Amino acid sequence: MSLESYKAAGLLFNQNFLEATSTAGLYGYRGELVLVQGEIADEKGHHKPPVAVMLGVAMLADEKIRMIIGQIENIALLPTFVEKYKDDFAADMRAIIYVVNISKPAQVELEGVNFVLIPLQQGMPWNETMDELALEKSDLKGQSAADKVVTIFEEMKGYKPKYPSATYEDVAAGATTAKREGWGAV
């Protein structure tokens, strides 16, 4: 399923952009990704706001998802994401998921994909990924928004996280009560 069909199905939320990269057939997206849709609100089939979303998503896709970066509030949402989108995962999909309620980073394999899970209570997945991959803003200078996502993807191809491998069950068993720290107007 392409990102355009995700948009048509109402799965892209608070979209920053969805645009073609300079590589034909490859699209970049930044925004939020719906994990659990809200219930139907009216007879026309409009949905209420989503029940759960992945925040700060950066995604690269053609007919398959090649890369995803984002943040989930609770580790229990990872299987929800996998179940909903697994048919669209590329065999070599790259994934870094920031999780509010885990205490230490780990690598977990689900549906043949290695998910790098990193705790994060405050911050933005894009900025944290730039730091994780040791990229500088100058590495993205002059690129379109979609091509910046391609640059992250290219860097992720050689990324070798030093976090221990774990089972999803072990990571979930160590979940904390942490909540995302927000900053707002005073």
N, C-alpha and C. Protein backbone atom coordinates (compact mmCIF):
# COMPACT_ATOMS: atom_id res chain seq x y z
N MET A 1 0.85 -1.18 0.00
CA MET A 1 0.00 0.00 0.00
C MET A 1 0.89 1.24 0.00
N SER A 2 0.62 2.16 -0.88
CA SER A 2 1.43 3.37 -0.98
C SER A 2 1.02 4.39 0.08
N LEU A 3 1.87 5.38 0.27
CA LEU A 3 1.55 6.43 1.25
C LEU A 3 0.32 7.23 0.82
N GLU A 4 0.11 7.36 -0.48
CA GLU A 4 -1.10 8.04 -0.97
C GLU A 4 -2.35 7.28 -0.54
N SER A 5 -2.28 5.95 -0.56
CA SER A 5 -3.45 5.18 -0.14
C SER A 5 -3.61 5.24 1.38
N TYR A 6 -2.51 5.38 2.12
CA TYR A 6 -2.62 5.61 3.57
C TYR A 6 -3.37 6.93 3.82
N LYS A 7 -3.00 7.94 3.02
CA LYS A 7 -3.65 9.25 3.17
C LYS A 7 -5.15 9.12 2.89
N ALA A 8 -5.49 8.45 1.80
CA ALA A 8 -6.90 8.27 1.44
C ALA A 8 -7.66 7.49 2.50
N ALA A 9 -6.99 6.58 3.19
CA ALA A 9 -7.63 5.76 4.23
C ALA A 9 -7.66 6.47 5.58
N GLY A 10 -7.12 7.69 5.65
CA GLY A 10 -7.13 8.44 6.90
C GLY A 10 -6.11 7.97 7.91
N LEU A 11 -5.02 7.33 7.43
CA LEU A 11 -4.00 6.80 8.35
C LEU A 11 -2.86 7.78 8.60
N LEU A 12 -2.79 8.84 7.81
CA LEU A 12 -1.79 9.89 8.03
C LEU A 12 -2.49 11.03 8.76
N PHE A 13 -1.90 11.46 9.86
CA PHE A 13 -2.55 12.42 10.74
C PHE A 13 -1.58 13.55 11.04
N ASN A 14 -2.08 14.78 11.12
CA ASN A 14 -1.22 15.94 11.37
C ASN A 14 -0.01 15.92 10.44
N GLN A 15 -0.30 15.82 9.18
CA GLN A 15 0.74 15.67 8.15
C GLN A 15 1.56 16.94 7.99
N ASN A 16 2.88 16.80 8.07
CA ASN A 16 3.78 17.92 7.76
C ASN A 16 4.00 17.97 6.26
N PHE A 17 4.34 16.82 5.67
CA PHE A 17 4.44 16.73 4.22
C PHE A 17 4.36 15.28 3.78
N LEU A 18 3.94 15.10 2.57
CA LEU A 18 3.98 13.83 1.85
C LEU A 18 4.33 14.21 0.43
N GLU A 19 5.55 13.88 0.02
CA GLU A 19 5.97 14.30 -1.31
C GLU A 19 6.96 13.31 -1.91
N ALA A 20 7.07 13.39 -3.22
CA ALA A 20 7.99 12.53 -3.96
C ALA A 20 9.43 12.95 -3.67
N THR A 21 10.32 11.97 -3.61
CA THR A 21 11.74 12.25 -3.49
C THR A 21 12.30 12.42 -4.90
N SER A 22 13.58 12.67 -5.01
CA SER A 22 14.20 12.78 -6.34
C SER A 22 14.39 11.40 -6.97
N THR A 23 14.10 10.32 -6.25
CA THR A 23 14.13 8.97 -6.78
C THR A 23 12.70 8.61 -7.21
N ALA A 24 12.52 8.27 -8.48
CA ALA A 24 11.19 7.98 -9.01
C ALA A 24 10.50 6.88 -8.20
N GLY A 25 9.24 7.14 -7.84
CA GLY A 25 8.43 6.15 -7.14
C GLY A 25 8.65 6.07 -5.64
N LEU A 26 9.55 6.87 -5.10
CA LEU A 26 9.87 6.85 -3.68
C LEU A 26 9.34 8.13 -3.04
N TYR A 27 8.60 7.97 -1.92
CA TYR A 27 7.96 9.11 -1.26
C TYR A 27 8.41 9.24 0.18
N GLY A 28 8.53 10.48 0.62
CA GLY A 28 8.86 10.78 2.00
C GLY A 28 7.65 11.35 2.71
N TYR A 29 7.53 11.05 3.98
CA TYR A 29 6.40 11.54 4.79
C TYR A 29 6.92 11.92 6.16
N ARG A 30 6.40 13.02 6.69
CA ARG A 30 6.59 13.36 8.09
C ARG A 30 5.27 13.83 8.65
N GLY A 31 4.98 13.37 9.86
CA GLY A 31 3.73 13.70 10.53
C GLY A 31 3.46 12.65 11.58
N GLU A 32 2.21 12.25 11.72
CA GLU A 32 1.84 11.19 12.64
C GLU A 32 1.21 10.06 11.85
N LEU A 33 1.28 8.86 12.39
CA LEU A 33 0.72 7.67 11.76
C LEU A 33 -0.31 7.07 12.69
N VAL A 34 -1.51 6.85 12.19
CA VAL A 34 -2.59 6.31 13.00
C VAL A 34 -2.32 4.84 13.30
N LEU A 35 -2.39 4.50 14.59
CA LEU A 35 -2.27 3.10 15.02
C LEU A 35 -3.63 2.52 15.32
N VAL A 36 -4.47 3.30 15.99
CA VAL A 36 -5.84 2.88 16.30
C VAL A 36 -6.76 4.03 15.91
N GLN A 37 -7.61 3.78 14.91
CA GLN A 37 -8.52 4.83 14.46
C GLN A 37 -9.63 5.06 15.47
N GLY A 38 -10.13 6.29 15.47
CA GLY A 38 -11.29 6.61 16.30
C GLY A 38 -12.53 5.96 15.72
N GLU A 39 -13.55 5.87 16.52
CA GLU A 39 -14.78 5.23 16.05
C GLU A 39 -15.45 6.11 14.99
N ILE A 40 -16.35 5.51 14.25
CA ILE A 40 -17.11 6.23 13.22
C ILE A 40 -17.98 7.28 13.92
N ALA A 41 -17.90 8.51 13.43
CA ALA A 41 -18.59 9.62 14.09
C ALA A 41 -19.95 9.94 13.49
N ASP A 42 -20.14 9.60 12.21
CA ASP A 42 -21.42 9.95 11.57
C ASP A 42 -21.76 8.95 10.48
N GLU A 43 -22.94 9.17 9.89
CA GLU A 43 -23.41 8.23 8.87
C GLU A 43 -22.60 8.33 7.57
N LYS A 44 -21.80 9.36 7.40
CA LYS A 44 -20.95 9.51 6.21
C LYS A 44 -19.64 8.72 6.35
N GLY A 45 -19.41 8.13 7.52
CA GLY A 45 -18.21 7.33 7.73
C GLY A 45 -17.00 8.09 8.23
N HIS A 46 -17.18 9.35 8.61
CA HIS A 46 -16.07 10.12 9.16
C HIS A 46 -15.69 9.54 10.52
N HIS A 47 -14.39 9.54 10.78
CA HIS A 47 -13.89 9.02 12.06
C HIS A 47 -13.69 10.13 13.07
N LYS A 48 -13.85 9.78 14.33
CA LYS A 48 -13.43 10.67 15.41
C LYS A 48 -11.90 10.66 15.41
N PRO A 49 -11.26 11.56 16.17
CA PRO A 49 -9.79 11.57 16.21
C PRO A 49 -9.24 10.18 16.59
N PRO A 50 -8.03 9.89 16.13
CA PRO A 50 -7.44 8.58 16.44
C PRO A 50 -7.31 8.35 17.94
N VAL A 51 -7.41 7.09 18.32
CA VAL A 51 -7.24 6.68 19.71
C VAL A 51 -5.74 6.61 20.04
N ALA A 52 -4.94 6.15 19.08
CA ALA A 52 -3.49 6.05 19.29
C ALA A 52 -2.77 6.35 17.98
N VAL A 53 -1.69 7.12 18.09
CA VAL A 53 -0.86 7.47 16.93
C VAL A 53 0.61 7.27 17.27
N MET A 54 1.41 7.11 16.22
CA MET A 54 2.86 7.17 16.36
C MET A 54 3.23 8.63 16.05
N LEU A 55 3.91 9.27 16.98
CA LEU A 55 4.27 10.68 16.86
C LEU A 55 5.59 10.87 16.12
N GLY A 56 5.77 12.04 15.54
CA GLY A 56 7.05 12.42 14.97
C GLY A 56 7.56 11.46 13.91
N VAL A 57 6.65 10.92 13.10
CA VAL A 57 7.03 9.91 12.12
C VAL A 57 7.78 10.53 10.95
N ALA A 58 8.84 9.86 10.55
CA ALA A 58 9.52 10.10 9.28
C ALA A 58 9.51 8.74 8.58
N MET A 59 8.91 8.71 7.40
CA MET A 59 8.74 7.44 6.71
C MET A 59 9.15 7.61 5.26
N LEU A 60 9.75 6.55 4.73
CA LEU A 60 10.14 6.50 3.33
C LEU A 60 9.51 5.25 2.74
N ALA A 61 8.80 5.40 1.62
CA ALA A 61 8.10 4.25 1.06
C ALA A 61 7.93 4.39 -0.45
N ASP A 62 7.88 3.23 -1.09
CA ASP A 62 7.38 3.14 -2.45
C ASP A 62 6.10 2.32 -2.31
N GLU A 63 6.05 1.11 -2.82
CA GLU A 63 4.90 0.24 -2.53
C GLU A 63 5.08 -0.46 -1.18
N LYS A 64 6.28 -0.38 -0.62
CA LYS A 64 6.60 -0.96 0.69
C LYS A 64 7.23 0.13 1.55
N ILE A 65 7.11 -0.03 2.86
CA ILE A 65 7.75 0.91 3.79
C ILE A 65 9.22 0.53 3.88
N ARG A 66 10.10 1.43 3.49
CA ARG A 66 11.55 1.20 3.50
C ARG A 66 12.17 1.61 4.83
N MET A 67 11.59 2.66 5.45
CA MET A 67 12.14 3.17 6.69
C MET A 67 11.03 3.83 7.48
N ILE A 68 11.10 3.66 8.81
CA ILE A 68 10.20 4.41 9.69
C ILE A 68 10.94 4.80 10.96
N ILE A 69 10.71 6.03 11.35
CA ILE A 69 11.20 6.58 12.61
C ILE A 69 9.96 7.18 13.27
N GLY A 70 9.81 7.00 14.57
CA GLY A 70 8.67 7.60 15.25
C GLY A 70 8.72 7.32 16.73
N GLN A 71 7.72 7.80 17.43
CA GLN A 71 7.65 7.62 18.88
C GLN A 71 6.27 7.10 19.27
N ILE A 72 6.28 6.11 20.16
CA ILE A 72 5.04 5.62 20.73
C ILE A 72 5.06 5.87 22.24
N GLU A 73 3.89 6.09 22.77
CA GLU A 73 3.75 6.40 24.20
C GLU A 73 4.02 5.18 25.07
N ASN A 74 3.62 4.01 24.57
CA ASN A 74 3.67 2.80 25.38
C ASN A 74 4.19 1.64 24.53
N ILE A 75 5.08 0.84 25.09
CA ILE A 75 5.63 -0.30 24.37
C ILE A 75 4.53 -1.26 23.91
N ALA A 76 3.41 -1.26 24.59
CA ALA A 76 2.29 -2.13 24.20
C ALA A 76 1.73 -1.76 22.83
N LEU A 77 2.05 -0.57 22.31
CA LEU A 77 1.58 -0.16 20.99
C LEU A 77 2.44 -0.71 19.85
N LEU A 78 3.62 -1.24 20.16
CA LEU A 78 4.47 -1.76 19.08
C LEU A 78 3.80 -2.91 18.34
N PRO A 79 3.24 -3.92 19.02
CA PRO A 79 2.54 -4.97 18.28
C PRO A 79 1.34 -4.46 17.49
N THR A 80 0.69 -3.41 17.98
CA THR A 80 -0.43 -2.80 17.26
C THR A 80 0.06 -2.24 15.93
N PHE A 81 1.18 -1.52 15.98
CA PHE A 81 1.79 -0.98 14.75
C PHE A 81 2.15 -2.12 13.80
N VAL A 82 2.83 -3.12 14.32
CA VAL A 82 3.29 -4.24 13.48
C VAL A 82 2.09 -4.94 12.84
N GLU A 83 1.09 -5.24 13.62
CA GLU A 83 -0.08 -5.95 13.09
C GLU A 83 -0.78 -5.15 11.99
N LYS A 84 -0.90 -3.85 12.20
CA LYS A 84 -1.63 -3.00 11.25
C LYS A 84 -0.86 -2.80 9.94
N TYR A 85 0.47 -2.72 10.00
CA TYR A 85 1.26 -2.32 8.83
C TYR A 85 2.22 -3.39 8.30
N LYS A 86 2.30 -4.56 8.93
CA LYS A 86 3.32 -5.56 8.57
C LYS A 86 3.27 -5.99 7.11
N ASP A 87 2.11 -6.02 6.50
CA ASP A 87 2.03 -6.43 5.10
C ASP A 87 2.73 -5.43 4.17
N ASP A 88 2.98 -4.23 4.67
CA ASP A 88 3.63 -3.20 3.87
C ASP A 88 5.11 -3.03 4.20
N PHE A 89 5.64 -3.83 5.11
CA PHE A 89 7.06 -3.73 5.46
C PHE A 89 7.91 -4.29 4.32
N ALA A 90 8.94 -3.56 3.92
CA ALA A 90 9.94 -4.11 3.01
C ALA A 90 10.76 -5.13 3.79
N ALA A 91 11.30 -6.11 3.10
CA ALA A 91 12.09 -7.15 3.76
C ALA A 91 13.27 -6.55 4.51
N ASP A 92 13.81 -5.45 4.02
CA ASP A 92 14.98 -4.81 4.65
C ASP A 92 14.61 -3.46 5.30
N MET A 93 13.37 -3.34 5.76
CA MET A 93 12.93 -2.09 6.38
C MET A 93 13.82 -1.71 7.56
N ARG A 94 14.12 -0.44 7.66
CA ARG A 94 14.87 0.10 8.78
C ARG A 94 13.89 0.79 9.72
N ALA A 95 14.05 0.56 11.04
CA ALA A 95 13.09 1.12 11.99
C ALA A 95 13.78 1.52 13.29
N ILE A 96 13.59 2.78 13.66
CA ILE A 96 13.98 3.26 14.98
C ILE A 96 12.70 3.81 15.62
N ILE A 97 12.32 3.20 16.72
CA ILE A 97 11.11 3.61 17.42
C ILE A 97 11.50 4.07 18.82
N TYR A 98 11.15 5.30 19.13
CA TYR A 98 11.38 5.85 20.46
C TYR A 98 10.14 5.52 21.30
N VAL A 99 10.39 5.05 22.51
CA VAL A 99 9.31 4.58 23.36
C VAL A 99 9.39 5.31 24.70
N VAL A 100 8.29 5.93 25.08
CA VAL A 100 8.27 6.72 26.31
C VAL A 100 8.48 5.84 27.54
N ASN A 101 7.88 4.67 27.59
CA ASN A 101 7.87 3.91 28.84
C ASN A 101 8.80 2.69 28.87
N ILE A 102 9.93 2.78 28.20
CA ILE A 102 10.96 1.75 28.41
C ILE A 102 12.15 2.39 29.09
N SER A 103 12.88 1.58 29.86
CA SER A 103 13.96 2.16 30.66
C SER A 103 15.33 2.08 29.99
N LYS A 104 15.50 1.15 29.04
CA LYS A 104 16.79 1.04 28.37
C LYS A 104 16.59 0.62 26.92
N PRO A 105 17.53 1.01 26.07
CA PRO A 105 17.41 0.68 24.66
C PRO A 105 17.59 -0.81 24.40
N ALA A 106 17.01 -1.27 23.31
CA ALA A 106 17.12 -2.68 22.93
C ALA A 106 16.80 -2.81 21.45
N GLN A 107 17.15 -3.97 20.91
CA GLN A 107 16.76 -4.34 19.55
C GLN A 107 15.82 -5.53 19.65
N VAL A 108 14.70 -5.42 18.95
CA VAL A 108 13.68 -6.46 18.99
C VAL A 108 13.32 -6.83 17.55
N GLU A 109 13.26 -8.10 17.26
CA GLU A 109 12.84 -8.53 15.93
C GLU A 109 11.38 -8.97 15.96
N LEU A 110 10.59 -8.34 15.09
CA LEU A 110 9.18 -8.69 14.92
C LEU A 110 8.89 -8.76 13.42
N GLU A 111 8.22 -9.82 12.99
CA GLU A 111 7.87 -10.00 11.57
C GLU A 111 9.09 -9.85 10.66
N GLY A 112 10.25 -10.31 11.14
CA GLY A 112 11.46 -10.28 10.33
C GLY A 112 12.16 -8.94 10.26
N VAL A 113 11.65 -7.94 10.97
CA VAL A 113 12.23 -6.60 10.97
C VAL A 113 12.89 -6.34 12.31
N ASN A 114 14.11 -5.78 12.26
CA ASN A 114 14.81 -5.39 13.48
C ASN A 114 14.36 -3.99 13.89
N PHE A 115 13.69 -3.88 15.02
CA PHE A 115 13.26 -2.60 15.55
C PHE A 115 14.26 -2.16 16.61
N VAL A 116 14.85 -0.99 16.42
CA VAL A 116 15.71 -0.39 17.43
C VAL A 116 14.78 0.44 18.31
N LEU A 117 14.71 0.08 19.59
CA LEU A 117 13.82 0.75 20.54
C LEU A 117 14.67 1.57 21.51
N ILE A 118 14.36 2.85 21.61
CA ILE A 118 15.16 3.76 22.43
C ILE A 118 14.21 4.54 23.34
N PRO A 119 14.52 4.60 24.67
CA PRO A 119 13.66 5.38 25.56
C PRO A 119 13.74 6.87 25.24
N LEU A 120 12.61 7.56 25.33
CA LEU A 120 12.57 9.00 25.09
C LEU A 120 11.32 9.58 25.73
N GLN A 121 11.52 10.42 26.74
CA GLN A 121 10.39 11.08 27.39
C GLN A 121 10.18 12.50 26.86
N GLN A 122 11.23 13.13 26.42
CA GLN A 122 11.08 14.44 25.81
C GLN A 122 12.06 14.54 24.66
N GLY A 123 11.69 15.31 23.69
CA GLY A 123 12.51 15.41 22.49
C GLY A 123 11.71 14.99 21.27
N MET A 124 12.32 15.13 20.12
CA MET A 124 11.67 14.83 18.85
C MET A 124 12.41 13.69 18.16
N PRO A 125 11.68 12.70 17.67
CA PRO A 125 12.32 11.57 17.01
C PRO A 125 13.30 11.97 15.90
N TRP A 126 12.95 12.97 15.10
CA TRP A 126 13.84 13.39 14.01
C TRP A 126 15.18 13.86 14.56
N ASN A 127 15.14 14.75 15.55
CA ASN A 127 16.38 15.29 16.12
C ASN A 127 17.18 14.19 16.82
N GLU A 128 16.49 13.33 17.55
CA GLU A 128 17.18 12.24 18.24
C GLU A 128 17.83 11.28 17.24
N THR A 129 17.18 11.05 16.13
CA THR A 129 17.74 10.17 15.10
C THR A 129 18.96 10.82 14.45
N MET A 130 18.90 12.11 14.24
CA MET A 130 20.07 12.82 13.70
C MET A 130 21.27 12.61 14.63
N ASP A 131 21.03 12.74 15.94
CA ASP A 131 22.10 12.50 16.92
C ASP A 131 22.55 11.05 16.91
N GLU A 132 21.59 10.13 16.88
CA GLU A 132 21.89 8.69 16.91
C GLU A 132 22.76 8.29 15.72
N LEU A 133 22.51 8.90 14.56
CA LEU A 133 23.25 8.57 13.34
C LEU A 133 24.46 9.48 13.14
N ALA A 134 24.70 10.39 14.07
CA ALA A 134 25.82 11.33 14.03
C ALA A 134 25.78 12.18 12.76
N LEU A 135 24.59 12.64 12.41
CA LEU A 135 24.42 13.54 11.27
C LEU A 135 24.34 14.98 11.76
N GLU A 136 24.78 15.88 10.93
CA GLU A 136 24.72 17.31 11.22
C GLU A 136 23.68 17.94 10.30
N LYS A 137 23.16 19.08 10.70
CA LYS A 137 22.21 19.78 9.84
C LYS A 137 22.81 20.07 8.48
N SER A 138 24.11 20.32 8.44
CA SER A 138 24.77 20.62 7.17
C SER A 138 24.72 19.42 6.21
N ASP A 139 24.56 18.20 6.74
CA ASP A 139 24.45 17.02 5.88
C ASP A 139 23.14 17.03 5.08
N LEU A 140 22.17 17.84 5.52
CA LEU A 140 20.87 17.90 4.86
C LEU A 140 20.66 19.20 4.09
N LYS A 141 21.63 20.10 4.16
CA LYS A 141 21.48 21.43 3.59
C LYS A 141 21.19 21.38 2.09
N GLY A 142 20.21 22.16 1.68
CA GLY A 142 19.88 22.29 0.27
C GLY A 142 19.00 21.17 -0.28
N GLN A 143 18.62 20.21 0.55
CA GLN A 143 17.78 19.12 0.07
C GLN A 143 16.30 19.43 0.29
N SER A 144 15.48 18.83 -0.54
CA SER A 144 14.03 18.96 -0.32
C SER A 144 13.68 18.21 0.96
N ALA A 145 12.50 18.46 1.50
CA ALA A 145 12.07 17.78 2.72
C ALA A 145 12.08 16.27 2.53
N ALA A 146 11.58 15.79 1.39
CA ALA A 146 11.53 14.34 1.14
C ALA A 146 12.94 13.76 0.98
N ASP A 147 13.84 14.49 0.33
CA ASP A 147 15.20 13.98 0.15
C ASP A 147 15.98 13.95 1.46
N LYS A 148 15.60 14.77 2.42
CA LYS A 148 16.21 14.68 3.75
C LYS A 148 15.87 13.33 4.39
N VAL A 149 14.66 12.85 4.16
CA VAL A 149 14.28 11.53 4.66
C VAL A 149 15.12 10.45 3.98
N VAL A 150 15.39 10.62 2.69
CA VAL A 150 16.25 9.67 1.96
C VAL A 150 17.65 9.66 2.57
N THR A 151 18.18 10.83 2.90
CA THR A 151 19.52 10.90 3.50
C THR A 151 19.56 10.14 4.82
N ILE A 152 18.53 10.28 5.64
CA ILE A 152 18.46 9.53 6.90
C ILE A 152 18.44 8.03 6.59
N PHE A 153 17.64 7.63 5.62
CA PHE A 153 17.55 6.22 5.22
C PHE A 153 18.91 5.69 4.77
N GLU A 154 19.59 6.43 3.93
CA GLU A 154 20.91 6.00 3.45
C GLU A 154 21.88 5.83 4.61
N GLU A 155 21.80 6.72 5.58
CA GLU A 155 22.68 6.61 6.76
C GLU A 155 22.29 5.40 7.60
N MET A 156 21.00 5.11 7.68
CA MET A 156 20.54 3.97 8.48
C MET A 156 20.99 2.63 7.89
N LYS A 157 21.25 2.60 6.58
CA LYS A 157 21.70 1.35 5.95
C LYS A 157 23.00 0.85 6.57
N GLY A 158 23.87 1.76 6.96
CA GLY A 158 25.14 1.38 7.56
C GLY A 158 25.16 1.45 9.08
N TYR A 159 24.03 1.79 9.67
CA TYR A 159 23.91 1.96 11.11
C TYR A 159 23.93 0.60 11.81
N LYS A 160 24.83 0.46 12.75
CA LYS A 160 24.95 -0.77 13.55
C LYS A 160 24.73 -0.41 15.01
N PRO A 161 23.50 -0.47 15.49
CA PRO A 161 23.24 -0.11 16.89
C PRO A 161 23.95 -1.06 17.84
N LYS A 162 24.42 -0.52 18.93
CA LYS A 162 25.16 -1.32 19.91
C LYS A 162 24.26 -1.78 21.06
N TYR A 163 22.96 -1.69 20.87
CA TYR A 163 22.02 -2.07 21.91
C TYR A 163 21.82 -3.58 21.91
N PRO A 164 21.60 -4.16 23.08
CA PRO A 164 21.42 -5.61 23.15
C PRO A 164 20.13 -6.06 22.48
N SER A 165 20.16 -7.27 21.95
CA SER A 165 18.94 -7.88 21.41
C SER A 165 18.10 -8.40 22.58
N ALA A 166 16.81 -8.31 22.43
CA ALA A 166 15.89 -8.77 23.47
C ALA A 166 14.60 -9.24 22.80
N THR A 167 13.83 -9.97 23.54
CA THR A 167 12.51 -10.33 23.02
C THR A 167 11.55 -9.18 23.34
N TYR A 168 10.50 -9.10 22.56
CA TYR A 168 9.49 -8.08 22.83
C TYR A 168 8.94 -8.27 24.25
N GLU A 169 8.71 -9.52 24.63
CA GLU A 169 8.15 -9.82 25.95
C GLU A 169 9.03 -9.30 27.07
N ASP A 170 10.36 -9.44 26.93
CA ASP A 170 11.28 -8.95 27.95
C ASP A 170 11.25 -7.42 28.03
N VAL A 171 11.23 -6.77 26.88
CA VAL A 171 11.18 -5.30 26.88
C VAL A 171 9.87 -4.83 27.49
N ALA A 172 8.76 -5.46 27.12
CA ALA A 172 7.45 -5.07 27.65
C ALA A 172 7.37 -5.32 29.15
N ALA A 173 8.00 -6.40 29.62
CA ALA A 173 7.97 -6.72 31.06
C ALA A 173 8.71 -5.65 31.87
N GLY A 174 9.66 -4.97 31.25
CA GLY A 174 10.42 -3.93 31.95
C GLY A 174 9.84 -2.53 31.77
N ALA A 175 8.61 -2.45 31.27
CA ALA A 175 7.99 -1.14 31.03
C ALA A 175 7.89 -0.34 32.33
N THR A 176 8.01 0.96 32.19
CA THR A 176 7.95 1.86 33.33
C THR A 176 6.62 2.62 33.32
N THR A 177 6.45 3.50 34.27
CA THR A 177 5.25 4.33 34.31
C THR A 177 5.52 5.72 33.72
N ALA A 178 6.64 5.87 33.03
CA ALA A 178 7.02 7.17 32.47
C ALA A 178 5.97 7.69 31.51
N LYS A 179 5.81 8.99 31.50
CA LYS A 179 4.90 9.68 30.58
C LYS A 179 5.71 10.69 29.79
N ARG A 180 5.25 10.99 28.61
CA ARG A 180 5.93 11.98 27.77
C ARG A 180 5.89 13.33 28.45
N GLU A 181 7.05 13.98 28.49
CA GLU A 181 7.14 15.30 29.08
C GLU A 181 6.85 16.33 28.00
N GLY A 182 5.89 17.16 28.24
CA GLY A 182 5.54 18.20 27.26
C GLY A 182 5.91 19.56 27.77
N TRP A 183 6.16 20.42 26.82
CA TRP A 183 6.47 21.80 27.14
C TRP A 183 5.44 22.66 26.42
N GLY A 184 4.96 23.64 27.07
CA GLY A 184 3.98 24.50 26.43
C GLY A 184 4.08 25.92 26.94
N ALA A 185 3.12 26.69 26.56
CA ALA A 185 3.09 28.10 26.99
C ALA A 185 2.90 28.17 28.51
N VAL A 186 3.55 29.15 29.10
CA VAL A 186 3.45 29.33 30.53
C VAL A 186 2.41 30.36 30.85
